[in-house]
Amino acid sequence: MELKLGYIALSTAIVILLILIGNYAIHKSTKEESTKIKSKRFLLIAMILWQFYVLGIGTSGFLANFSFPPRMPLFLIIPLFTFTGIFLYKNSNKQWILKIPAIWLIGFQSFRIIVETLFVYSISPGVLIELVTIKGYNFDMIVGLSAPIMVLVMYLSKEIPYKLLLAWNYFGLIILACTVFLFISTAFFPQIHGYEVTPLTKDFGMYPYVLVAGLLMPSAVFIHILSIIQLKKLKTKSLNP
């Protein structure tokens, strides 16, 4: 029960952080009070509805089937990646992106320390195997641990170290891509890792563990891409004041 509460507590904290960041951006970039209220309400409702969707599909047992077609990627990962791509593409030139403190987006990624810690504690009850954790081939902890270091560098620097932060964000995305591949291959192509059938139990496809694919990992991707867009815009702005 403590493990489940850990996943739920972290996910709740991430939802709150995303809402707070969104509200801050709306407040700083919108002058009309009615527009602010409408935008903040839309953000809140959208976040809540998605959580109910993840809760419903996660408790139904629908995602606990690792046969083809791959249900978790189709019903969680792909929809969120599609949203991230479309939303950030359409908003890439909006001023609200510049209103968010750059240091927030970098520091946000430190939550991955807790995610990877939960992964390690998920081995003993049989939810995960060592292969997909820091004890195996999941190196996402590196990004989480380096996030506070990047924050410190930004704090001590007189100017934003654009190249360093951009490289760090791209590195974070590469590590995430490798982690996603590790989980998907273990679940749906276990032969790659020397298993005849997937070593992951059905628990991994149940709530709250599906929050990893339905919130935590996509949030990290979203913030990385948002940070990259922001840093490029800030760099261009500094070069052309």
C-alpha atoms as a PDB file:
ATOM      1  CA  MET A   1       0.000   0.000   0.000  1.00  0.00           C
ATOM      2  CA  GLU A   2       2.870   2.394   0.826  1.00  0.00           C
ATOM      3  CA  LEU A   3       4.319   1.875  -2.645  1.00  0.00           C
ATOM      4  CA  LYS A   4       1.019   2.691  -4.317  1.00  0.00           C
ATOM      5  CA  LEU A   5       0.629   5.778  -2.166  1.00  0.00           C
ATOM      6  CA  GLY A   6       4.110   6.832  -3.258  1.00  0.00           C
ATOM      7  CA  TYR A   7       3.154   6.763  -6.936  1.00  0.00           C
ATOM      8  CA  ILE A   8      -0.135   8.554  -6.232  1.00  0.00           C
ATOM      9  CA  ALA A   9       1.495  11.210  -4.032  1.00  0.00           C
ATOM     10  CA  LEU A  10       4.210  11.960  -6.601  1.00  0.00           C
ATOM     11  CA  SER A  11       1.677  12.101  -9.434  1.00  0.00           C
ATOM     12  CA  THR A  12      -0.541  14.438  -7.424  1.00  0.00           C
ATOM     13  CA  ALA A  13       2.429  16.706  -6.767  1.00  0.00           C
ATOM     14  CA  ILE A  14       3.312  16.759 -10.482  1.00  0.00           C
ATOM     15  CA  VAL A  15      -0.273  17.643 -11.445  1.00  0.00           C
ATOM     16  CA  ILE A  16      -0.273  20.487  -8.932  1.00  0.00           C
ATOM     17  CA  LEU A  17       3.103  21.749 -10.185  1.00  0.00           C
ATOM     18  CA  LEU A  18       1.947  21.690 -13.816  1.00  0.00           C
ATOM     19  CA  ILE A  19      -1.222  23.592 -12.902  1.00  0.00           C
ATOM     20  CA  LEU A  20       0.756  26.162 -10.902  1.00  0.00           C
ATOM     21  CA  ILE A  21       3.238  26.666 -13.754  1.00  0.00           C
ATOM     22  CA  GLY A  22       0.368  26.977 -16.237  1.00  0.00           C
ATOM     23  CA  ASN A  23      -1.511  29.434 -14.029  1.00  0.00           C
ATOM     24  CA  TYR A  24       1.621  31.535 -13.599  1.00  0.00           C
ATOM     25  CA  ALA A  25       2.165  31.694 -17.371  1.00  0.00           C
ATOM     26  CA  ILE A  26      -1.491  32.616 -17.950  1.00  0.00           C
ATOM     27  CA  HIS A  27      -1.443  35.283 -15.256  1.00  0.00           C
ATOM     28  CA  LYS A  28       1.753  36.893 -16.553  1.00  0.00           C
ATOM     29  CA  SER A  29       0.831  36.830 -20.254  1.00  0.00           C
ATOM     30  CA  THR A  30      -2.885  37.688 -20.177  1.00  0.00           C
ATOM     31  CA  LYS A  31      -4.292  41.089 -19.301  1.00  0.00           C
ATOM     32  CA  GLU A  32      -8.036  40.474 -19.427  1.00  0.00           C
ATOM     33  CA  GLU A  33      -9.295  38.985 -16.172  1.00  0.00           C
ATOM     34  CA  SER A  34     -12.093  37.039 -17.866  1.00  0.00           C
ATOM     35  CA  THR A  35      -9.589  35.399 -20.227  1.00  0.00           C
ATOM     36  CA  LYS A  36      -7.345  34.500 -17.304  1.00  0.00           C
ATOM     37  CA  ILE A  37     -10.196  32.818 -15.447  1.00  0.00           C
ATOM     38  CA  LYS A  38     -11.355  30.959 -18.553  1.00  0.00           C
ATOM     39  CA  SER A  39      -7.842  29.708 -19.389  1.00  0.00           C
ATOM     40  CA  LYS A  40      -7.072  28.639 -15.819  1.00  0.00           C
ATOM     41  CA  ARG A  41     -10.410  26.849 -15.561  1.00  0.00           C
ATOM     42  CA  PHE A  42      -9.780  25.029 -18.856  1.00  0.00           C
ATOM     43  CA  LEU A  43      -6.326  23.921 -17.663  1.00  0.00           C
ATOM     44  CA  LEU A  44      -7.707  22.649 -14.358  1.00  0.00           C
ATOM     45  CA  ILE A  45     -10.596  20.753 -15.971  1.00  0.00           C
ATOM     46  CA  ALA A  46      -8.326  19.214 -18.631  1.00  0.00           C
ATOM     47  CA  MET A  47      -5.863  17.975 -16.016  1.00  0.00           C
ATOM     48  CA  ILE A  48      -8.609  16.534 -13.819  1.00  0.00           C
ATOM     49  CA  LEU A  49     -10.379  14.809 -16.716  1.00  0.00           C
ATOM     50  CA  TRP A  50      -7.140  13.162 -17.853  1.00  0.00           C
ATOM     51  CA  GLN A  51      -6.504  11.884 -14.329  1.00  0.00           C
ATOM     52  CA  PHE A  52      -9.977  10.353 -14.255  1.00  0.00           C
ATOM     53  CA  TYR A  53      -9.280   8.754 -17.639  1.00  0.00           C
ATOM     54  CA  VAL A  54      -6.014   7.227 -16.371  1.00  0.00           C
ATOM     55  CA  LEU A  55      -7.752   6.084 -13.185  1.00  0.00           C
ATOM     56  CA  GLY A  56     -10.599   4.485 -15.119  1.00  0.00           C
ATOM     57  CA  ILE A  57      -8.498   2.694 -17.715  1.00  0.00           C
ATOM     58  CA  GLY A  58      -5.897   1.754 -15.100  1.00  0.00           C
ATOM     59  CA  THR A  59      -8.343   0.134 -12.686  1.00  0.00           C
ATOM     60  CA  SER A  60     -10.276  -1.680 -15.423  1.00  0.00           C
ATOM     61  CA  GLY A  61      -7.417  -4.111 -16.122  1.00  0.00           C
ATOM     62  CA  PHE A  62      -7.517  -3.204 -19.813  1.00  0.00           C
ATOM     63  CA  LEU A  63      -3.841  -2.192 -19.839  1.00  0.00           C
ATOM     64  CA  ALA A  64      -2.694  -5.276 -17.917  1.00  0.00           C
ATOM     65  CA  ASN A  65      -2.748  -7.268 -21.153  1.00  0.00           C
ATOM     66  CA  PHE A  66       0.666  -7.181 -22.840  1.00  0.00           C
ATOM     67  CA  SER A  67      -0.436  -8.884 -26.050  1.00  0.00           C
ATOM     68  CA  PHE A  68      -0.726  -7.070 -29.376  1.00  0.00           C
ATOM     69  CA  PRO A  69      -1.832  -4.464 -30.187  1.00  0.00           C
ATOM     70  CA  PRO A  70       0.175  -2.788 -27.389  1.00  0.00           C
ATOM     71  CA  ARG A  71      -2.526  -1.138 -25.302  1.00  0.00           C
ATOM     72  CA  MET A  72      -0.466   1.075 -23.004  1.00  0.00           C
ATOM     73  CA  PRO A  73       1.367   2.870 -25.834  1.00  0.00           C
ATOM     74  CA  LEU A  74      -1.824   3.200 -27.873  1.00  0.00           C
ATOM     75  CA  PHE A  75      -4.087   4.497 -25.111  1.00  0.00           C
ATOM     76  CA  LEU A  76      -1.636   6.458 -22.940  1.00  0.00           C
ATOM     77  CA  ILE A  77       1.746   7.252 -24.439  1.00  0.00           C
ATOM     78  CA  ILE A  78       0.819   8.047 -28.054  1.00  0.00           C
ATOM     79  CA  PRO A  79      -2.137  10.339 -27.155  1.00  0.00           C
ATOM     80  CA  LEU A  80       0.042  12.328 -24.746  1.00  0.00           C
ATOM     81  CA  PHE A  81       2.964  12.558 -27.173  1.00  0.00           C
ATOM     82  CA  THR A  82       0.557  13.676 -29.898  1.00  0.00           C
ATOM     83  CA  PHE A  83      -0.867  16.349 -27.599  1.00  0.00           C
ATOM     84  CA  THR A  84       2.633  17.525 -26.661  1.00  0.00           C
ATOM     85  CA  GLY A  85       3.667  17.846 -30.302  1.00  0.00           C
ATOM     86  CA  ILE A  86       0.532  19.651 -31.469  1.00  0.00           C
ATOM     87  CA  PHE A  87       0.199  21.923 -28.422  1.00  0.00           C
ATOM     88  CA  LEU A  88       3.815  23.074 -28.324  1.00  0.00           C
ATOM     89  CA  TYR A  89       3.963  23.486 -32.101  1.00  0.00           C
ATOM     90  CA  LYS A  90       0.892  25.733 -32.099  1.00  0.00           C
ATOM     91  CA  ASN A  91       2.143  27.697 -29.083  1.00  0.00           C
ATOM     92  CA  SER A  92       5.826  27.894 -29.981  1.00  0.00           C
ATOM     93  CA  ASN A  93       5.577  31.589 -30.790  1.00  0.00           C
ATOM     94  CA  LYS A  94       3.318  32.566 -27.906  1.00  0.00           C
ATOM     95  CA  GLN A  95       4.676  34.972 -25.321  1.00  0.00           C
ATOM     96  CA  TRP A  96       3.523  32.916 -22.328  1.00  0.00           C
ATOM     97  CA  ILE A  97       6.463  30.590 -22.887  1.00  0.00           C
ATOM     98  CA  LEU A  98       8.857  33.410 -22.025  1.00  0.00           C
ATOM     99  CA  LYS A  99       6.971  34.272 -18.846  1.00  0.00           C
ATOM    100  CA  ILE A 100       7.873  31.025 -17.095  1.00  0.00           C
ATOM    101  CA  PRO A 101      11.184  31.291 -15.206  1.00  0.00           C
ATOM    102  CA  ALA A 102      13.683  29.127 -17.098  1.00  0.00           C
ATOM    103  CA  ILE A 103      15.061  27.786 -13.835  1.00  0.00           C
ATOM    104  CA  TRP A 104      11.646  26.285 -12.991  1.00  0.00           C
ATOM    105  CA  LEU A 105      11.592  24.120 -16.093  1.00  0.00           C
ATOM    106  CA  ILE A 106      15.084  22.802 -15.382  1.00  0.00           C
ATOM    107  CA  GLY A 107      14.435  22.160 -11.701  1.00  0.00           C
ATOM    108  CA  PHE A 108      11.170  20.396 -12.528  1.00  0.00           C
ATOM    109  CA  GLN A 109      13.104  17.402 -13.857  1.00  0.00           C
ATOM    110  CA  SER A 110      14.496  16.608 -10.406  1.00  0.00           C
ATOM    111  CA  PHE A 111      11.259  14.720  -9.708  1.00  0.00           C
ATOM    112  CA  ARG A 112      12.788  11.861 -11.673  1.00  0.00           C
ATOM    113  CA  ILE A 113      14.953  11.070  -8.654  1.00  0.00           C
ATOM    114  CA  ILE A 114      11.779  10.078  -6.821  1.00  0.00           C
ATOM    115  CA  VAL A 115      10.444   8.152  -9.827  1.00  0.00           C
ATOM    116  CA  GLU A 116      13.581   6.053 -10.075  1.00  0.00           C
ATOM    117  CA  THR A 117      13.585   5.494  -6.324  1.00  0.00           C
ATOM    118  CA  LEU A 118      10.003   4.222  -6.535  1.00  0.00           C
ATOM    119  CA  PHE A 119      11.113   1.918  -9.359  1.00  0.00           C
ATOM    120  CA  VAL A 120      13.734   0.345  -7.101  1.00  0.00           C
ATOM    121  CA  TYR A 121      11.174  -0.180  -4.343  1.00  0.00           C
ATOM    122  CA  SER A 122       8.859  -1.736  -6.950  1.00  0.00           C
ATOM    123  CA  ILE A 123      11.210  -4.681  -7.468  1.00  0.00           C
ATOM    124  CA  SER A 124      10.569  -6.447  -4.171  1.00  0.00           C
ATOM    125  CA  PRO A 125       6.741  -6.701  -4.545  1.00  0.00           C
ATOM    126  CA  GLY A 126       7.201  -7.916  -8.119  1.00  0.00           C
ATOM    127  CA  VAL A 127       5.799  -4.886  -9.926  1.00  0.00           C
ATOM    128  CA  LEU A 128       9.080  -4.311 -11.793  1.00  0.00           C
ATOM    129  CA  ILE A 129      12.275  -6.204 -12.441  1.00  0.00           C
ATOM    130  CA  GLU A 130      15.833  -4.908 -11.983  1.00  0.00           C
ATOM    131  CA  LEU A 131      16.300  -4.649 -15.758  1.00  0.00           C
ATOM    132  CA  VAL A 132      14.054  -1.560 -16.033  1.00  0.00           C
ATOM    133  CA  THR A 133      15.454   0.245 -12.980  1.00  0.00           C
ATOM    134  CA  ILE A 134      18.731   1.961 -12.114  1.00  0.00           C
ATOM    135  CA  LYS A 135      19.976  -1.491 -11.089  1.00  0.00           C
ATOM    136  CA  GLY A 136      19.577  -2.536 -14.711  1.00  0.00           C
ATOM    137  CA  TYR A 137      19.627  -0.365 -17.829  1.00  0.00           C
ATOM    138  CA  ASN A 138      17.457   2.570 -16.770  1.00  0.00           C
ATOM    139  CA  PHE A 139      19.756   5.587 -16.415  1.00  0.00           C
ATOM    140  CA  ASP A 140      17.050   8.219 -15.953  1.00  0.00           C
ATOM    141  CA  MET A 141      18.304   8.844 -12.416  1.00  0.00           C
ATOM    142  CA  ILE A 142      21.266  10.665 -13.975  1.00  0.00           C
ATOM    143  CA  VAL A 143      18.968  13.347 -15.377  1.00  0.00           C
ATOM    144  CA  GLY A 144      17.121  13.697 -12.094  1.00  0.00           C
ATOM    145  CA  LEU A 145      20.334  14.057 -10.103  1.00  0.00           C
ATOM    146  CA  SER A 146      21.840  16.512 -12.583  1.00  0.00           C
ATOM    147  CA  ALA A 147      18.773  18.796 -12.571  1.00  0.00           C
ATOM    148  CA  PRO A 148      19.672  20.461  -9.226  1.00  0.00           C
ATOM    149  CA  ILE A 149      23.234  20.909 -10.533  1.00  0.00           C
ATOM    150  CA  MET A 150      21.893  22.717 -13.614  1.00  0.00           C
ATOM    151  CA  VAL A 151      19.740  24.872 -11.337  1.00  0.00           C
ATOM    152  CA  LEU A 152      22.820  25.790  -9.295  1.00  0.00           C
ATOM    153  CA  VAL A 153      24.768  26.633 -12.448  1.00  0.00           C
ATOM    154  CA  MET A 154      21.920  28.890 -13.616  1.00  0.00           C
ATOM    155  CA  TYR A 155      21.744  30.546 -10.211  1.00  0.00           C
ATOM    156  CA  LEU A 156      25.469  31.270 -10.109  1.00  0.00           C
ATOM    157  CA  SER A 157      25.793  32.331 -13.755  1.00  0.00           C
ATOM    158  CA  LYS A 158      25.491  35.966 -14.747  1.00  0.00           C
ATOM    159  CA  GLU A 159      23.902  34.928 -18.032  1.00  0.00           C
ATOM    160  CA  ILE A 160      21.825  31.886 -18.956  1.00  0.00           C
ATOM    161  CA  PRO A 161      24.195  29.132 -20.209  1.00  0.00           C
ATOM    162  CA  TYR A 162      22.068  28.412 -23.277  1.00  0.00           C
ATOM    163  CA  LYS A 163      24.301  25.823 -24.938  1.00  0.00           C
ATOM    164  CA  LEU A 164      24.769  23.836 -21.728  1.00  0.00           C
ATOM    165  CA  LEU A 165      21.058  23.809 -20.890  1.00  0.00           C
ATOM    166  CA  LEU A 166      20.006  22.958 -24.436  1.00  0.00           C
ATOM    167  CA  ALA A 167      22.496  20.072 -24.519  1.00  0.00           C
ATOM    168  CA  TRP A 168      21.241  18.904 -21.111  1.00  0.00           C
ATOM    169  CA  ASN A 169      17.614  18.984 -22.295  1.00  0.00           C
ATOM    170  CA  TYR A 170      18.438  16.994 -25.423  1.00  0.00           C
ATOM    171  CA  PHE A 171      20.389  14.541 -23.297  1.00  0.00           C
ATOM    172  CA  GLY A 172      17.347  14.197 -21.029  1.00  0.00           C
ATOM    173  CA  LEU A 173      15.124  13.429 -24.009  1.00  0.00           C
ATOM    174  CA  ILE A 174      17.558  10.806 -25.309  1.00  0.00           C
ATOM    175  CA  ILE A 175      17.654   9.110 -21.899  1.00  0.00           C
ATOM    176  CA  LEU A 176      13.846   9.177 -21.774  1.00  0.00           C
ATOM    177  CA  ALA A 177      13.647   7.646 -25.244  1.00  0.00           C
ATOM    178  CA  CYS A 178      15.966   4.844 -24.128  1.00  0.00           C
ATOM    179  CA  THR A 179      13.874   4.318 -20.983  1.00  0.00           C
ATOM    180  CA  VAL A 180      10.630   4.159 -22.959  1.00  0.00           C
ATOM    181  CA  PHE A 181      12.219   1.653 -25.355  1.00  0.00           C
ATOM    182  CA  LEU A 182      13.428  -0.400 -22.381  1.00  0.00           C
ATOM    183  CA  PHE A 183       9.945  -0.652 -20.891  1.00  0.00           C
ATOM    184  CA  ILE A 184       8.155  -1.265 -24.200  1.00  0.00           C
ATOM    185  CA  SER A 185      10.657  -3.890 -25.336  1.00  0.00           C
ATOM    186  CA  THR A 186      10.489  -5.660 -21.958  1.00  0.00           C
ATOM    187  CA  ALA A 187       6.688  -5.705 -22.065  1.00  0.00           C
ATOM    188  CA  PHE A 188       6.083  -6.510 -25.721  1.00  0.00           C
ATOM    189  CA  PHE A 189       9.396  -7.826 -27.112  1.00  0.00           C
ATOM    190  CA  PRO A 190      10.939  -9.679 -24.129  1.00  0.00           C
ATOM    191  CA  GLN A 191      13.016 -11.867 -26.455  1.00  0.00           C
ATOM    192  CA  ILE A 192      15.357  -8.892 -26.896  1.00  0.00           C
ATOM    193  CA  HIS A 193      16.314  -9.251 -23.233  1.00  0.00           C
ATOM    194  CA  GLY A 194      16.445 -13.026 -23.186  1.00  0.00           C
ATOM    195  CA  TYR A 195      12.922 -13.744 -21.924  1.00  0.00           C
ATOM    196  CA  GLU A 196      10.424 -15.992 -23.696  1.00  0.00           C
ATOM    197  CA  VAL A 197       7.512 -14.026 -22.230  1.00  0.00           C
ATOM    198  CA  THR A 198       7.435 -10.642 -20.543  1.00  0.00           C
ATOM    199  CA  PRO A 199       8.789 -10.721 -16.975  1.00  0.00           C
ATOM    200  CA  LEU A 200       6.519  -7.795 -16.067  1.00  0.00           C
ATOM    201  CA  THR A 201       3.457  -8.781 -14.070  1.00  0.00           C
ATOM    202  CA  LYS A 202      -0.069  -7.525 -14.647  1.00  0.00           C
ATOM    203  CA  ASP A 203       0.409  -5.151 -11.720  1.00  0.00           C
ATOM    204  CA  PHE A 204       2.499  -2.903 -13.963  1.00  0.00           C
ATOM    205  CA  GLY A 205      -0.569  -2.412 -16.160  1.00  0.00           C
ATOM    206  CA  MET A 206      -2.779  -1.438 -13.234  1.00  0.00           C
ATOM    207  CA  TYR A 207      -3.372   1.818 -11.384  1.00  0.00           C
ATOM    208  CA  PRO A 208      -1.412   3.590  -9.930  1.00  0.00           C
ATOM    209  CA  TYR A 209       1.612   2.163 -11.785  1.00  0.00           C
ATOM    210  CA  VAL A 210       0.148   3.224 -15.141  1.00  0.00           C
ATOM    211  CA  LEU A 211       0.686   6.801 -13.960  1.00  0.00           C
ATOM    212  CA  VAL A 212       4.288   6.364 -15.103  1.00  0.00           C
ATOM    213  CA  ALA A 213       3.164   6.124 -18.725  1.00  0.00           C
ATOM    214  CA  GLY A 214       0.029   8.222 -18.270  1.00  0.00           C
ATOM    215  CA  LEU A 215       1.564  11.221 -16.513  1.00  0.00           C
ATOM    216  CA  LEU A 216       5.103  11.101 -15.119  1.00  0.00           C
ATOM    217  CA  MET A 217       7.121  10.212 -18.210  1.00  0.00           C
ATOM    218  CA  PRO A 218       5.068  12.384 -20.626  1.00  0.00           C
ATOM    219  CA  SER A 219       5.362  15.316 -18.191  1.00  0.00           C
ATOM    220  CA  ALA A 220       9.148  15.040 -18.320  1.00  0.00           C
ATOM    221  CA  VAL A 221       9.047  15.001 -22.133  1.00  0.00           C
ATOM    222  CA  PHE A 222       6.662  17.984 -22.245  1.00  0.00           C
ATOM    223  CA  ILE A 223       8.808  20.106 -19.923  1.00  0.00           C
ATOM    224  CA  HIS A 224      12.039  19.203 -21.755  1.00  0.00           C
ATOM    225  CA  ILE A 225      10.593  20.308 -25.101  1.00  0.00           C
ATOM    226  CA  LEU A 226       9.026  23.413 -23.558  1.00  0.00           C
ATOM    227  CA  SER A 227      12.400  24.306 -22.032  1.00  0.00           C
ATOM    228  CA  ILE A 228      14.160  23.844 -25.385  1.00  0.00           C
ATOM    229  CA  ILE A 229      11.658  26.126 -27.136  1.00  0.00           C
ATOM    230  CA  GLN A 230      11.972  28.701 -24.376  1.00  0.00           C
ATOM    231  CA  LEU A 231      15.781  28.681 -24.313  1.00  0.00           C
ATOM    232  CA  LYS A 232      15.968  29.151 -28.084  1.00  0.00           C
ATOM    233  CA  LYS A 233      13.528  32.067 -27.910  1.00  0.00           C
ATOM    234  CA  LEU A 234      15.401  33.639 -24.991  1.00  0.00           C
ATOM    235  CA  LYS A 235      18.721  33.271 -26.803  1.00  0.00           C
ATOM    236  CA  THR A 236      17.326  34.903 -29.946  1.00  0.00           C
ATOM    237  CA  LYS A 237      15.854  37.696 -27.844  1.00  0.00           C
ATOM    238  CA  SER A 238      19.173  38.342 -26.095  1.00  0.00           C
ATOM    239  CA  LEU A 239      20.991  38.486 -29.433  1.00  0.00           C
ATOM    240  CA  ASN A 240      18.375  40.857 -30.866  1.00  0.00           C
ATOM    241  CA  PRO A 241      17.325  43.113 -27.978  1.00  0.00           C
END
